[in-house]
All heavy atoms as atom14 arrays in JSON, in Angstrom:
{
  "sequence": "LLRTLRDILNRRGYQPLTANSAREGLALVAQSLPAVALVDLKLPD",
  "atom14_mask": [
    [1, 1, 1, 1, 1, 1, 1, 1, 0, 0, 0, 0, 0, 0],
    [1, 1, 1, 1, 1, 1, 1, 1, 0, 0, 0, 0, 0, 0],
    [1, 1, 1, 1, 1, 1, 1, 1, 1, 1, 1, 0, 0, 0],
    [1, 1, 1, 1, 1, 1, 1, 0, 0, 0, 0, 0, 0, 0],
    [1, 1, 1, 1, 1, 1, 1, 1, 0, 0, 0, 0, 0, 0],
    [1, 1, 1, 1, 1, 1, 1, 1, 1, 1, 1, 0, 0, 0],
    [1, 1, 1, 1, 1, 1, 1, 1, 0, 0, 0, 0, 0, 0],
    [1, 1, 1, 1, 1, 1, 1, 1, 0, 0, 0, 0, 0, 0],
    [1, 1, 1, 1, 1, 1, 1, 1, 0, 0, 0, 0, 0, 0],
    [1, 1, 1, 1, 1, 1, 1, 1, 0, 0, 0, 0, 0, 0],
    [1, 1, 1, 1, 1, 1, 1, 1, 1, 1, 1, 0, 0, 0],
    [1, 1, 1, 1, 1, 1, 1, 1, 1, 1, 1, 0, 0, 0],
    [1, 1, 1, 1, 0, 0, 0, 0, 0, 0, 0, 0, 0, 0],
    [1, 1, 1, 1, 1, 1, 1, 1, 1, 1, 1, 1, 0, 0],
    [1, 1, 1, 1, 1, 1, 1, 1, 1, 0, 0, 0, 0, 0],
    [1, 1, 1, 1, 1, 1, 1, 0, 0, 0, 0, 0, 0, 0],
    [1, 1, 1, 1, 1, 1, 1, 1, 0, 0, 0, 0, 0, 0],
    [1, 1, 1, 1, 1, 1, 1, 0, 0, 0, 0, 0, 0, 0],
    [1, 1, 1, 1, 1, 0, 0, 0, 0, 0, 0, 0, 0, 0],
    [1, 1, 1, 1, 1, 1, 1, 1, 0, 0, 0, 0, 0, 0],
    [1, 1, 1, 1, 1, 1, 0, 0, 0, 0, 0, 0, 0, 0],
    [1, 1, 1, 1, 1, 0, 0, 0, 0, 0, 0, 0, 0, 0],
    [1, 1, 1, 1, 1, 1, 1, 1, 1, 1, 1, 0, 0, 0],
    [1, 1, 1, 1, 1, 1, 1, 1, 1, 0, 0, 0, 0, 0],
    [1, 1, 1, 1, 0, 0, 0, 0, 0, 0, 0, 0, 0, 0],
    [1, 1, 1, 1, 1, 1, 1, 1, 0, 0, 0, 0, 0, 0],
    [1, 1, 1, 1, 1, 0, 0, 0, 0, 0, 0, 0, 0, 0],
    [1, 1, 1, 1, 1, 1, 1, 1, 0, 0, 0, 0, 0, 0],
    [1, 1, 1, 1, 1, 1, 1, 0, 0, 0, 0, 0, 0, 0],
    [1, 1, 1, 1, 1, 0, 0, 0, 0, 0, 0, 0, 0, 0],
    [1, 1, 1, 1, 1, 1, 1, 1, 1, 0, 0, 0, 0, 0],
    [1, 1, 1, 1, 1, 1, 0, 0, 0, 0, 0, 0, 0, 0],
    [1, 1, 1, 1, 1, 1, 1, 1, 0, 0, 0, 0, 0, 0],
    [1, 1, 1, 1, 1, 1, 1, 0, 0, 0, 0, 0, 0, 0],
    [1, 1, 1, 1, 1, 0, 0, 0, 0, 0, 0, 0, 0, 0],
    [1, 1, 1, 1, 1, 1, 1, 0, 0, 0, 0, 0, 0, 0],
    [1, 1, 1, 1, 1, 0, 0, 0, 0, 0, 0, 0, 0, 0],
    [1, 1, 1, 1, 1, 1, 1, 1, 0, 0, 0, 0, 0, 0],
    [1, 1, 1, 1, 1, 1, 1, 0, 0, 0, 0, 0, 0, 0],
    [1, 1, 1, 1, 1, 1, 1, 1, 0, 0, 0, 0, 0, 0],
    [1, 1, 1, 1, 1, 1, 1, 1, 0, 0, 0, 0, 0, 0],
    [1, 1, 1, 1, 1, 1, 1, 1, 1, 0, 0, 0, 0, 0],
    [1, 1, 1, 1, 1, 1, 1, 1, 0, 0, 0, 0, 0, 0],
    [1, 1, 1, 1, 1, 1, 1, 0, 0, 0, 0, 0, 0, 0],
    [1, 1, 1, 1, 1, 1, 1, 1, 0, 0, 0, 0, 0, 0]
  ],
  "atom14_positions": [
    [[0.84, -1.22, 0.0], [0.01, 0.0, 0.0], [0.88, 1.25, 0.0], [0.54, 2.25, -0.65], [-0.92, 0.0, 1.21], [-1.83, 1.2, 1.37], [-2.73, 1.38, 0.15], [-2.69, 1.07, 2.63], [0.0, 0.0, 0.0], [0.0, 0.0, 0.0], [0.0, 0.0, 0.0], [0.0, 0.0, 0.0], [0.0, 0.0, 0.0], [0.0, 0.0, 0.0]],
    [[1.99, 1.21, 0.69], [2.9, 2.35, 0.75], [3.41, 2.69, -0.64], [3.47, 3.87, -1.03], [4.05, 2.06, 1.7], [4.94, 3.23, 2.13], [4.1, 4.24, 2.92], [6.09, 2.73, 3.0], [0.0, 0.0, 0.0], [0.0, 0.0, 0.0], [0.0, 0.0, 0.0], [0.0, 0.0, 0.0], [0.0, 0.0, 0.0], [0.0, 0.0, 0.0]],
    [[3.81, 1.65, -1.41], [4.25, 1.89, -2.78], [3.14, 2.48, -3.65], [3.35, 3.36, -4.48], [4.77, 0.59, -3.39], [6.13, 0.14, -2.84], [6.74, -0.92, -3.73], [5.88, -2.1, -3.86], [5.92, -3.14, -3.04], [6.79, -3.15, -2.02], [5.14, -4.16, -3.21], [0.0, 0.0, 0.0], [0.0, 0.0, 0.0], [0.0, 0.0, 0.0]],
    [[1.91, 1.94, -3.47], [0.78, 2.44, -4.24], [0.51, 3.92, -3.94], [0.3, 4.74, -4.86], [-0.48, 1.61, -3.93], [-0.23, 0.23, -4.19], [-1.67, 2.06, -4.73], [0.0, 0.0, 0.0], [0.0, 0.0, 0.0], [0.0, 0.0, 0.0], [0.0, 0.0, 0.0], [0.0, 0.0, 0.0], [0.0, 0.0, 0.0], [0.0, 0.0, 0.0]],
    [[0.49, 4.26, -2.67], [0.25, 5.67, -2.29], [1.36, 6.56, -2.84], [1.08, 7.69, -3.3], [0.2, 5.78, -0.76], [-0.99, 5.11, -0.08], [-0.82, 5.14, 1.44], [-2.31, 5.77, -0.47], [0.0, 0.0, 0.0], [0.0, 0.0, 0.0], [0.0, 0.0, 0.0], [0.0, 0.0, 0.0], [0.0, 0.0, 0.0], [0.0, 0.0, 0.0]],
    [[2.57, 6.1, -2.82], [3.7, 6.89, -3.34], [3.54, 7.12, -4.83], [3.76, 8.25, -5.32], [5.01, 6.19, -3.04], [6.25, 6.97, -3.51], [7.51, 6.26, -3.11], [7.54, 4.91, -3.66], [8.11, 3.86, -3.06], [8.7, 4.02, -1.9], [8.09, 2.67, -3.62], [0.0, 0.0, 0.0], [0.0, 0.0, 0.0], [0.0, 0.0, 0.0]],
    [[3.12, 6.1, -5.57], [2.91, 6.25, -7.01], [1.79, 7.23, -7.31], [1.91, 8.05, -8.24], [2.62, 4.89, -7.65], [3.81, 3.95, -7.63], [4.96, 4.47, -7.47], [3.63, 2.75, -7.78], [0.0, 0.0, 0.0], [0.0, 0.0, 0.0], [0.0, 0.0, 0.0], [0.0, 0.0, 0.0], [0.0, 0.0, 0.0], [0.0, 0.0, 0.0]],
    [[0.7, 7.13, -6.56], [-0.44, 8.03, -6.79], [-0.02, 9.49, -6.56], [-0.34, 10.4, -7.35], [-1.61, 7.65, -5.86], [-2.21, 6.29, -6.3], [-2.71, 8.71, -5.9], [-3.24, 5.74, -5.31], [0.0, 0.0, 0.0], [0.0, 0.0, 0.0], [0.0, 0.0, 0.0], [0.0, 0.0, 0.0], [0.0, 0.0, 0.0], [0.0, 0.0, 0.0]],
    [[0.69, 9.69, -5.49], [1.12, 11.09, -5.16], [2.13, 11.6, -6.16], [2.11, 12.79, -6.51], [1.69, 11.11, -3.76], [0.68, 10.87, -2.61], [1.39, 10.72, -1.29], [-0.33, 11.99, -2.55], [0.0, 0.0, 0.0], [0.0, 0.0, 0.0], [0.0, 0.0, 0.0], [0.0, 0.0, 0.0], [0.0, 0.0, 0.0], [0.0, 0.0, 0.0]],
    [[3.03, 10.73, -6.63], [4.0, 11.16, -7.67], [3.29, 11.59, -8.92], [3.68, 12.58, -9.54], [4.94, 9.98, -7.97], [6.09, 9.91, -6.96], [6.55, 10.94, -6.45], [6.55, 8.69, -6.66], [0.0, 0.0, 0.0], [0.0, 0.0, 0.0], [0.0, 0.0, 0.0], [0.0, 0.0, 0.0], [0.0, 0.0, 0.0], [0.0, 0.0, 0.0]],
    [[2.26, 10.87, -9.33], [1.52, 11.22, -10.56], [0.81, 12.56, -10.38], [0.59, 13.29, -11.35], [0.5, 10.14, -10.87], [1.14, 8.83, -11.39], [0.08, 7.86, -11.82], [0.68, 6.6, -12.3], [0.01, 5.61, -12.82], [-1.32, 5.69, -12.92], [0.63, 4.51, -13.22], [0.0, 0.0, 0.0], [0.0, 0.0, 0.0], [0.0, 0.0, 0.0]],
    [[0.44, 12.88, -9.17], [-0.27, 14.13, -8.91], [0.71, 15.33, -8.9], [0.32, 16.46, -8.94], [-0.99, 14.04, -7.56], [-1.9, 15.19, -7.23], [-3.13, 15.18, -8.11], [-4.25, 15.91, -7.54], [-5.46, 15.86, -8.01], [-5.72, 15.11, -9.07], [-6.43, 16.53, -7.46], [0.0, 0.0, 0.0], [0.0, 0.0, 0.0], [0.0, 0.0, 0.0]],
    [[1.98, 15.04, -8.86], [2.95, 16.13, -8.83], [3.62, 16.32, -7.48], [4.48, 17.19, -7.33], [0.0, 0.0, 0.0], [0.0, 0.0, 0.0], [0.0, 0.0, 0.0], [0.0, 0.0, 0.0], [0.0, 0.0, 0.0], [0.0, 0.0, 0.0], [0.0, 0.0, 0.0], [0.0, 0.0, 0.0], [0.0, 0.0, 0.0], [0.0, 0.0, 0.0]],
    [[3.22, 15.51, -6.48], [3.87, 15.58, -5.18], [5.17, 14.79, -5.19], [5.4, 13.94, -6.05], [2.94, 15.01, -4.08], [1.68, 15.82, -3.86], [0.45, 15.38, -4.34], [1.72, 16.99, -3.15], [-0.71, 16.1, -4.14], [0.57, 17.74, -2.94], [-0.64, 17.3, -3.43], [-1.78, 18.03, -3.23], [0.0, 0.0, 0.0], [0.0, 0.0, 0.0]],
    [[6.0, 15.05, -4.2], [7.23, 14.28, -3.99], [7.16, 13.69, -2.58], [7.72, 14.28, -1.62], [8.46, 15.14, -4.17], [8.64, 15.63, -5.61], [9.89, 16.47, -5.77], [10.53, 16.86, -4.81], [10.25, 16.73, -7.01], [0.0, 0.0, 0.0], [0.0, 0.0, 0.0], [0.0, 0.0, 0.0], [0.0, 0.0, 0.0], [0.0, 0.0, 0.0]],
    [[6.47, 12.58, -2.42], [6.21, 12.06, -1.07], [7.45, 11.44, -0.42], [8.31, 10.88, -1.1], [5.12, 11.01, -1.31], [5.39, 10.54, -2.72], [5.85, 11.74, -3.46], [0.0, 0.0, 0.0], [0.0, 0.0, 0.0], [0.0, 0.0, 0.0], [0.0, 0.0, 0.0], [0.0, 0.0, 0.0], [0.0, 0.0, 0.0], [0.0, 0.0, 0.0]],
    [[7.49, 11.52, 0.9], [8.47, 10.83, 1.71], [7.71, 9.72, 2.44], [6.65, 9.95, 3.02], [9.11, 11.77, 2.73], [9.84, 12.97, 2.15], [10.24, 13.95, 3.27], [11.07, 12.54, 1.36], [0.0, 0.0, 0.0], [0.0, 0.0, 0.0], [0.0, 0.0, 0.0], [0.0, 0.0, 0.0], [0.0, 0.0, 0.0], [0.0, 0.0, 0.0]],
    [[8.25, 8.48, 2.42], [7.51, 7.36, 2.94], [8.25, 6.7, 4.11], [9.48, 6.68, 4.13], [7.23, 6.33, 1.85], [8.46, 5.88, 1.29], [6.36, 6.94, 0.75], [0.0, 0.0, 0.0], [0.0, 0.0, 0.0], [0.0, 0.0, 0.0], [0.0, 0.0, 0.0], [0.0, 0.0, 0.0], [0.0, 0.0, 0.0], [0.0, 0.0, 0.0]],
    [[7.47, 6.13, 5.04], [8.02, 5.41, 6.18], [7.07, 4.28, 6.53], [5.84, 4.47, 6.49], [8.19, 6.35, 7.37], [0.0, 0.0, 0.0], [0.0, 0.0, 0.0], [0.0, 0.0, 0.0], [0.0, 0.0, 0.0], [0.0, 0.0, 0.0], [0.0, 0.0, 0.0], [0.0, 0.0, 0.0], [0.0, 0.0, 0.0], [0.0, 0.0, 0.0]],
    [[7.61, 3.1, 6.88], [6.76, 1.98, 7.23], [6.71, 1.71, 8.73], [6.26, 0.66, 9.19], [7.2, 0.72, 6.5], [8.65, 0.38, 6.75], [9.26, 0.88, 7.71], [9.23, -0.44, 5.89], [0.0, 0.0, 0.0], [0.0, 0.0, 0.0], [0.0, 0.0, 0.0], [0.0, 0.0, 0.0], [0.0, 0.0, 0.0], [0.0, 0.0, 0.0]],
    [[7.16, 2.72, 9.54], [7.04, 2.62, 10.98], [6.84, 4.02, 11.56], [7.18, 5.02, 10.92], [8.29, 1.97, 11.59], [9.4, 2.86, 11.51], [0.0, 0.0, 0.0], [0.0, 0.0, 0.0], [0.0, 0.0, 0.0], [0.0, 0.0, 0.0], [0.0, 0.0, 0.0], [0.0, 0.0, 0.0], [0.0, 0.0, 0.0], [0.0, 0.0, 0.0]],
    [[6.3, 4.05, 12.78], [6.01, 5.35, 13.42], [7.32, 6.1, 13.69], [7.42, 7.32, 13.43], [5.26, 5.11, 14.71], [0.0, 0.0, 0.0], [0.0, 0.0, 0.0], [0.0, 0.0, 0.0], [0.0, 0.0, 0.0], [0.0, 0.0, 0.0], [0.0, 0.0, 0.0], [0.0, 0.0, 0.0], [0.0, 0.0, 0.0], [0.0, 0.0, 0.0]],
    [[8.32, 5.42, 14.18], [9.58, 6.11, 14.56], [10.27, 6.66, 13.31], [10.8, 7.76, 13.33], [10.49, 5.14, 15.3], [9.88, 4.63, 16.6], [10.84, 3.83, 17.45], [10.15, 3.25, 18.58], [9.77, 3.89, 19.67], [10.01, 5.18, 19.76], [9.13, 3.27, 20.66], [0.0, 0.0, 0.0], [0.0, 0.0, 0.0], [0.0, 0.0, 0.0]],
    [[10.27, 5.88, 12.24], [10.88, 6.38, 10.99], [10.09, 7.57, 10.46], [10.67, 8.55, 9.99], [10.9, 5.24, 9.95], [11.6, 5.63, 8.67], [11.54, 4.52, 7.62], [11.12, 3.39, 7.98], [11.93, 4.79, 6.46], [0.0, 0.0, 0.0], [0.0, 0.0, 0.0], [0.0, 0.0, 0.0], [0.0, 0.0, 0.0], [0.0, 0.0, 0.0]],
    [[8.76, 7.48, 10.55], [7.94, 8.6, 10.06], [8.13, 9.86, 10.85], [8.22, 10.96, 10.3], [0.0, 0.0, 0.0], [0.0, 0.0, 0.0], [0.0, 0.0, 0.0], [0.0, 0.0, 0.0], [0.0, 0.0, 0.0], [0.0, 0.0, 0.0], [0.0, 0.0, 0.0], [0.0, 0.0, 0.0], [0.0, 0.0, 0.0], [0.0, 0.0, 0.0]],
    [[8.23, 9.74, 12.2], [8.44, 10.9, 13.03], [9.8, 11.54, 12.77], [9.95, 12.76, 12.83], [8.3, 10.54, 14.5], [6.87, 10.2, 14.98], [6.88, 9.67, 16.4], [5.95, 11.41, 14.86], [0.0, 0.0, 0.0], [0.0, 0.0, 0.0], [0.0, 0.0, 0.0], [0.0, 0.0, 0.0], [0.0, 0.0, 0.0], [0.0, 0.0, 0.0]],
    [[10.8, 10.7, 12.46], [12.12, 11.23, 12.11], [12.05, 12.05, 10.82], [12.65, 13.1, 10.7], [13.11, 10.09, 11.99], [0.0, 0.0, 0.0], [0.0, 0.0, 0.0], [0.0, 0.0, 0.0], [0.0, 0.0, 0.0], [0.0, 0.0, 0.0], [0.0, 0.0, 0.0], [0.0, 0.0, 0.0], [0.0, 0.0, 0.0], [0.0, 0.0, 0.0]],
    [[11.26, 11.56, 9.84], [11.07, 12.28, 8.6], [10.35, 13.63, 8.84], [10.72, 14.64, 8.25], [10.27, 11.44, 7.6], [10.99, 10.31, 6.91], [10.01, 9.5, 6.05], [12.12, 10.83, 6.06], [0.0, 0.0, 0.0], [0.0, 0.0, 0.0], [0.0, 0.0, 0.0], [0.0, 0.0, 0.0], [0.0, 0.0, 0.0], [0.0, 0.0, 0.0]],
    [[9.33, 13.59, 9.7], [8.6, 14.83, 10.02], [9.53, 15.84, 10.68], [9.53, 17.04, 10.33], [7.4, 14.53, 10.93], [6.78, 15.8, 11.47], [6.35, 13.72, 10.15], [0.0, 0.0, 0.0], [0.0, 0.0, 0.0], [0.0, 0.0, 0.0], [0.0, 0.0, 0.0], [0.0, 0.0, 0.0], [0.0, 0.0, 0.0], [0.0, 0.0, 0.0]],
    [[10.34, 15.4, 11.65], [11.27, 16.32, 12.33], [12.27, 16.91, 11.36], [12.69, 18.07, 11.52], [11.99, 15.55, 13.45], [0.0, 0.0, 0.0], [0.0, 0.0, 0.0], [0.0, 0.0, 0.0], [0.0, 0.0, 0.0], [0.0, 0.0, 0.0], [0.0, 0.0, 0.0], [0.0, 0.0, 0.0], [0.0, 0.0, 0.0], [0.0, 0.0, 0.0]],
    [[12.67, 16.17, 10.34], [13.66, 16.63, 9.39], [13.07, 17.55, 8.33], [13.69, 18.56, 7.95], [14.32, 15.43, 8.72], [15.43, 15.79, 7.76], [16.09, 14.56, 7.14], [15.68, 13.43, 7.42], [17.08, 14.77, 6.33], [0.0, 0.0, 0.0], [0.0, 0.0, 0.0], [0.0, 0.0, 0.0], [0.0, 0.0, 0.0], [0.0, 0.0, 0.0]],
    [[11.88, 17.2, 7.82], [11.33, 17.93, 6.66], [10.22, 18.91, 6.98], [9.9, 19.78, 6.15], [10.82, 16.91, 5.63], [9.75, 16.14, 6.18], [0.0, 0.0, 0.0], [0.0, 0.0, 0.0], [0.0, 0.0, 0.0], [0.0, 0.0, 0.0], [0.0, 0.0, 0.0], [0.0, 0.0, 0.0], [0.0, 0.0, 0.0], [0.0, 0.0, 0.0]],
    [[9.58, 18.78, 8.18], [8.43, 19.64, 8.54], [7.43, 19.71, 7.37], [7.24, 20.78, 6.77], [8.89, 21.04, 8.93], [9.85, 21.12, 10.11], [10.26, 22.57, 10.37], [9.27, 20.52, 11.37], [0.0, 0.0, 0.0], [0.0, 0.0, 0.0], [0.0, 0.0, 0.0], [0.0, 0.0, 0.0], [0.0, 0.0, 0.0], [0.0, 0.0, 0.0]],
    [[6.8, 18.56, 7.03], [5.98, 18.52, 5.83], [4.68, 19.32, 5.95], [4.24, 19.68, 7.04], [5.66, 17.04, 5.71], [5.66, 16.56, 7.13], [6.75, 17.33, 7.81], [0.0, 0.0, 0.0], [0.0, 0.0, 0.0], [0.0, 0.0, 0.0], [0.0, 0.0, 0.0], [0.0, 0.0, 0.0], [0.0, 0.0, 0.0], [0.0, 0.0, 0.0]],
    [[4.09, 19.61, 4.78], [2.79, 20.28, 4.76], [1.68, 19.32, 5.2], [0.75, 19.7, 5.91], [2.53, 20.82, 3.36], [0.0, 0.0, 0.0], [0.0, 0.0, 0.0], [0.0, 0.0, 0.0], [0.0, 0.0, 0.0], [0.0, 0.0, 0.0], [0.0, 0.0, 0.0], [0.0, 0.0, 0.0], [0.0, 0.0, 0.0], [0.0, 0.0, 0.0]],
    [[1.78, 18.07, 4.71], [0.72, 17.1, 4.99], [1.36, 15.8, 5.46], [2.44, 15.4, 4.97], [-0.12, 16.82, 3.71], [-1.25, 15.81, 4.01], [-0.69, 18.12, 3.16], [0.0, 0.0, 0.0], [0.0, 0.0, 0.0], [0.0, 0.0, 0.0], [0.0, 0.0, 0.0], [0.0, 0.0, 0.0], [0.0, 0.0, 0.0], [0.0, 0.0, 0.0]],
    [[0.72, 15.14, 6.43], [1.15, 13.81, 6.89], [-0.02, 12.88, 6.77], [-1.1, 13.14, 7.32], [1.66, 13.89, 8.32], [0.0, 0.0, 0.0], [0.0, 0.0, 0.0], [0.0, 0.0, 0.0], [0.0, 0.0, 0.0], [0.0, 0.0, 0.0], [0.0, 0.0, 0.0], [0.0, 0.0, 0.0], [0.0, 0.0, 0.0], [0.0, 0.0, 0.0]],
    [[0.18, 11.78, 6.06], [-0.84, 10.72, 5.89], [-0.42, 9.58, 6.82], [0.59, 8.95, 6.61], [-0.87, 10.27, 4.43], [-2.02, 9.37, 4.01], [-3.36, 10.05, 4.16], [-1.83, 8.94, 2.55], [0.0, 0.0, 0.0], [0.0, 0.0, 0.0], [0.0, 0.0, 0.0], [0.0, 0.0, 0.0], [0.0, 0.0, 0.0], [0.0, 0.0, 0.0]],
    [[-1.23, 9.36, 7.86], [-0.81, 8.47, 8.94], [-1.77, 7.31, 9.12], [-2.99, 7.51, 9.27], [-0.69, 9.24, 10.3], [-0.21, 8.3, 11.4], [0.24, 10.42, 10.16], [0.0, 0.0, 0.0], [0.0, 0.0, 0.0], [0.0, 0.0, 0.0], [0.0, 0.0, 0.0], [0.0, 0.0, 0.0], [0.0, 0.0, 0.0], [0.0, 0.0, 0.0]],
    [[-1.23, 6.08, 9.07], [-2.02, 4.89, 9.38], [-2.29, 4.88, 10.88], [-1.39, 5.1, 11.69], [-1.25, 3.64, 8.95], [-2.09, 2.38, 9.11], [-3.27, 2.48, 9.52], [-1.55, 1.29, 8.85], [0.0, 0.0, 0.0], [0.0, 0.0, 0.0], [0.0, 0.0, 0.0], [0.0, 0.0, 0.0], [0.0, 0.0, 0.0], [0.0, 0.0, 0.0]],
    [[-3.54, 4.65, 11.25], [-3.92, 4.7, 12.65], [-3.45, 3.5, 13.44], [-3.39, 3.53, 14.67], [-5.42, 4.86, 12.77], [-5.97, 5.48, 14.08], [-5.38, 6.84, 14.33], [-7.5, 5.57, 14.03], [0.0, 0.0, 0.0], [0.0, 0.0, 0.0], [0.0, 0.0, 0.0], [0.0, 0.0, 0.0], [0.0, 0.0, 0.0], [0.0, 0.0, 0.0]],
    [[-3.1, 2.41, 12.72], [-2.65, 1.21, 13.41], [-1.25, 0.82, 12.92], [-1.09, 0.32, 11.81], [-3.63, 0.05, 13.13], [-3.45, -1.15, 14.01], [-4.59, -2.14, 13.83], [-4.45, -3.36, 14.75], [-4.5, -3.02, 16.16], [0.0, 0.0, 0.0], [0.0, 0.0, 0.0], [0.0, 0.0, 0.0], [0.0, 0.0, 0.0], [0.0, 0.0, 0.0]],
    [[-0.27, 1.13, 13.74], [1.14, 0.88, 13.38], [1.74, -0.12, 14.36], [1.32, -0.17, 15.53], [1.91, 2.2, 13.39], [1.51, 3.22, 12.32], [2.06, 4.6, 12.65], [1.94, 2.77, 10.94], [0.0, 0.0, 0.0], [0.0, 0.0, 0.0], [0.0, 0.0, 0.0], [0.0, 0.0, 0.0], [0.0, 0.0, 0.0], [0.0, 0.0, 0.0]],
    [[2.73, -0.89, 13.93], [3.27, -1.95, 14.77], [4.06, -1.46, 16.0], [4.08, -2.1, 17.04], [4.16, -2.76, 13.84], [4.54, -1.8, 12.76], [3.35, -0.89, 12.59], [0.0, 0.0, 0.0], [0.0, 0.0, 0.0], [0.0, 0.0, 0.0], [0.0, 0.0, 0.0], [0.0, 0.0, 0.0], [0.0, 0.0, 0.0], [0.0, 0.0, 0.0]],
    [[4.73, -0.31, 15.86], [5.63, 0.12, 16.95], [5.07, 1.26, 17.81], [5.71, 1.64, 18.8], [6.97, 0.56, 16.36], [6.84, 1.68, 15.34], [5.75, 1.85, 14.79], [7.84, 2.37, 15.1], [0.0, 0.0, 0.0], [0.0, 0.0, 0.0], [0.0, 0.0, 0.0], [0.0, 0.0, 0.0], [0.0, 0.0, 0.0], [0.0, 0.0, 0.0]]
  ]
}
């Protein structure tokens, strides 16, 4: 699903940053301060 979402956003003109865990995602947010965050409500960590 992560790859699918990345492809959809790329076609729309976005340049998405992807993470498959909460800790990795929060590290990306701290580094890039994104405009939008798409967050799965059920994560393993």
